[in-house]
Amino acid sequence: MNLKQKSRVYLLVRWRCTRKPVLTASLILVIPAAIVVVGSILWMLMLMDCAMQEPSQGNTKIVWVLIIIFTTWVGALAYLLFRRPERQRELGR
């Protein structure tokens, strides 16, 4: 290998080595940001669904709205998985 070929190899290796930490740092920032955005959208949609679609009889509506507000995306996920299918089965909406 002559000097020119060695310098090309060195630059290629150096470029690859310096690129990986940038990619890792980007993923460290992008993945949590995506989780926050998706969780926030889920929270807003389930809060609106609960406030508009739940029947006003009894306390279930206010209880679920409070659960969704105070437990954020965990409450929204619980509403989506447990209460919403039950409401749709009972009321058809």
C-alpha atoms as a PDB file:
ATOM      1  CA  MET A   1       0.000   0.000   0.000  1.00  0.00           C
ATOM      2  CA  ASN A   2       1.328   3.347  -0.913  1.00  0.00           C
ATOM      3  CA  LEU A   3       0.910   6.523   1.140  1.00  0.00           C
ATOM      4  CA  LYS A   4      -2.115   7.729  -0.821  1.00  0.00           C
ATOM      5  CA  GLN A   5      -4.005   4.468  -0.270  1.00  0.00           C
ATOM      6  CA  LYS A   6      -3.110   4.464   3.427  1.00  0.00           C
ATOM      7  CA  SER A   7      -4.398   7.978   3.859  1.00  0.00           C
ATOM      8  CA  ARG A   8      -7.708   7.028   2.167  1.00  0.00           C
ATOM      9  CA  VAL A   9      -8.097   4.048   4.472  1.00  0.00           C
ATOM     10  CA  TYR A  10      -7.263   6.211   7.495  1.00  0.00           C
ATOM     11  CA  LEU A  11      -9.827   8.834   6.497  1.00  0.00           C
ATOM     12  CA  LEU A  12     -12.496   6.192   5.899  1.00  0.00           C
ATOM     13  CA  VAL A  13     -11.875   4.553   9.274  1.00  0.00           C
ATOM     14  CA  ARG A  14     -11.800   7.923  11.011  1.00  0.00           C
ATOM     15  CA  TRP A  15     -15.058   8.975   9.317  1.00  0.00           C
ATOM     16  CA  ARG A  16     -16.821   5.775  10.398  1.00  0.00           C
ATOM     17  CA  CYS A  17     -15.559   6.050  13.964  1.00  0.00           C
ATOM     18  CA  THR A  18     -16.666   9.624  14.389  1.00  0.00           C
ATOM     19  CA  ARG A  19     -20.072   8.981  12.865  1.00  0.00           C
ATOM     20  CA  LYS A  20     -21.295   6.308  15.288  1.00  0.00           C
ATOM     21  CA  PRO A  21     -21.482   8.471  18.405  1.00  0.00           C
ATOM     22  CA  VAL A  22     -23.474  11.103  16.525  1.00  0.00           C
ATOM     23  CA  LEU A  23     -25.946   8.457  15.400  1.00  0.00           C
ATOM     24  CA  THR A  24     -26.197   7.069  18.921  1.00  0.00           C
ATOM     25  CA  ALA A  25     -26.735  10.538  20.376  1.00  0.00           C
ATOM     26  CA  SER A  26     -29.436  11.192  17.798  1.00  0.00           C
ATOM     27  CA  LEU A  27     -31.246   7.981  18.710  1.00  0.00           C
ATOM     28  CA  ILE A  28     -30.976   8.811  22.395  1.00  0.00           C
ATOM     29  CA  LEU A  29     -32.799  12.064  21.708  1.00  0.00           C
ATOM     30  CA  VAL A  30     -35.230  10.937  19.000  1.00  0.00           C
ATOM     31  CA  ILE A  31     -36.661   7.802  20.616  1.00  0.00           C
ATOM     32  CA  PRO A  32     -37.728   9.437  23.920  1.00  0.00           C
ATOM     33  CA  ALA A  33     -39.088  12.436  22.016  1.00  0.00           C
ATOM     34  CA  ALA A  34     -41.195  10.112  19.841  1.00  0.00           C
ATOM     35  CA  ILE A  35     -42.484   8.306  22.948  1.00  0.00           C
ATOM     36  CA  VAL A  36     -43.464  11.634  24.524  1.00  0.00           C
ATOM     37  CA  VAL A  37     -45.259  12.806  21.376  1.00  0.00           C
ATOM     38  CA  VAL A  38     -47.154   9.529  20.911  1.00  0.00           C
ATOM     39  CA  GLY A  39     -48.050   9.436  24.623  1.00  0.00           C
ATOM     40  CA  SER A  40     -49.308  13.011  24.529  1.00  0.00           C
ATOM     41  CA  ILE A  41     -51.444  12.355  21.455  1.00  0.00           C
ATOM     42  CA  LEU A  42     -52.861   9.202  23.069  1.00  0.00           C
ATOM     43  CA  TRP A  43     -53.584  11.161  26.262  1.00  0.00           C
ATOM     44  CA  MET A  44     -55.430  13.941  24.429  1.00  0.00           C
ATOM     45  CA  LEU A  45     -57.452  11.558  22.245  1.00  0.00           C
ATOM     46  CA  MET A  46     -58.543   9.374  25.156  1.00  0.00           C
ATOM     47  CA  LEU A  47     -59.425  12.415  27.274  1.00  0.00           C
ATOM     48  CA  MET A  48     -61.594  13.797  24.470  1.00  0.00           C
ATOM     49  CA  ASP A  49     -63.151  10.379  23.807  1.00  0.00           C
ATOM     50  CA  CYS A  50     -63.982   9.913  27.475  1.00  0.00           C
ATOM     51  CA  ALA A  51     -65.377  13.424  27.899  1.00  0.00           C
ATOM     52  CA  MET A  52     -67.554  13.242  24.782  1.00  0.00           C
ATOM     53  CA  GLN A  53     -68.608   9.591  24.499  1.00  0.00           C
ATOM     54  CA  GLU A  54     -69.044   8.340  28.072  1.00  0.00           C
ATOM     55  CA  PRO A  55     -72.643   8.404  29.320  1.00  0.00           C
ATOM     56  CA  SER A  56     -73.404  11.006  31.983  1.00  0.00           C
ATOM     57  CA  GLN A  57     -75.276   8.617  34.259  1.00  0.00           C
ATOM     58  CA  GLY A  58     -73.412   7.688  37.402  1.00  0.00           C
ATOM     59  CA  ASN A  59     -69.869   8.640  38.252  1.00  0.00           C
ATOM     60  CA  THR A  60     -67.972   6.643  35.651  1.00  0.00           C
ATOM     61  CA  LYS A  61     -67.417   9.605  33.356  1.00  0.00           C
ATOM     62  CA  ILE A  62     -65.932  11.896  35.998  1.00  0.00           C
ATOM     63  CA  VAL A  63     -63.877   9.067  37.516  1.00  0.00           C
ATOM     64  CA  TRP A  64     -62.326   8.145  34.161  1.00  0.00           C
ATOM     65  CA  VAL A  65     -61.663  11.790  33.272  1.00  0.00           C
ATOM     66  CA  LEU A  66     -59.860  12.256  36.605  1.00  0.00           C
ATOM     67  CA  ILE A  67     -57.892   9.030  36.131  1.00  0.00           C
ATOM     68  CA  ILE A  68     -56.810  10.106  32.651  1.00  0.00           C
ATOM     69  CA  ILE A  69     -55.870  13.629  33.790  1.00  0.00           C
ATOM     70  CA  PHE A  70     -53.873  12.638  36.876  1.00  0.00           C
ATOM     71  CA  THR A  71     -52.123   9.539  35.517  1.00  0.00           C
ATOM     72  CA  THR A  72     -51.501  10.968  32.011  1.00  0.00           C
ATOM     73  CA  TRP A  73     -50.621   8.362  29.394  1.00  0.00           C
ATOM     74  CA  VAL A  74     -50.892   5.411  31.814  1.00  0.00           C
ATOM     75  CA  GLY A  75     -54.508   6.328  32.548  1.00  0.00           C
ATOM     76  CA  ALA A  76     -55.168   6.915  28.866  1.00  0.00           C
ATOM     77  CA  LEU A  77     -53.784   3.485  28.045  1.00  0.00           C
ATOM     78  CA  ALA A  78     -55.883   1.895  30.821  1.00  0.00           C
ATOM     79  CA  TYR A  79     -58.988   3.629  29.462  1.00  0.00           C
ATOM     80  CA  LEU A  80     -58.185   2.493  25.925  1.00  0.00           C
ATOM     81  CA  LEU A  81     -57.633  -1.133  26.950  1.00  0.00           C
ATOM     82  CA  PHE A  82     -60.298  -1.612  29.637  1.00  0.00           C
ATOM     83  CA  ARG A  83     -63.137   0.907  29.618  1.00  0.00           C
ATOM     84  CA  ARG A  84     -63.470   1.861  25.957  1.00  0.00           C
ATOM     85  CA  PRO A  85     -64.165  -1.696  24.662  1.00  0.00           C
ATOM     86  CA  GLU A  86     -66.627  -2.210  27.525  1.00  0.00           C
ATOM     87  CA  ARG A  87     -68.442   1.038  26.685  1.00  0.00           C
ATOM     88  CA  GLN A  88     -68.584   0.132  22.997  1.00  0.00           C
ATOM     89  CA  ARG A  89     -70.004  -3.278  23.868  1.00  0.00           C
ATOM     90  CA  GLU A  90     -72.642  -1.741  26.178  1.00  0.00           C
ATOM     91  CA  LEU A  91     -73.677   1.314  24.178  1.00  0.00           C
ATOM     92  CA  GLY A  92     -72.480   0.589  20.678  1.00  0.00           C
ATOM     93  CA  ARG A  93     -70.575   3.843  20.315  1.00  0.00           C
END
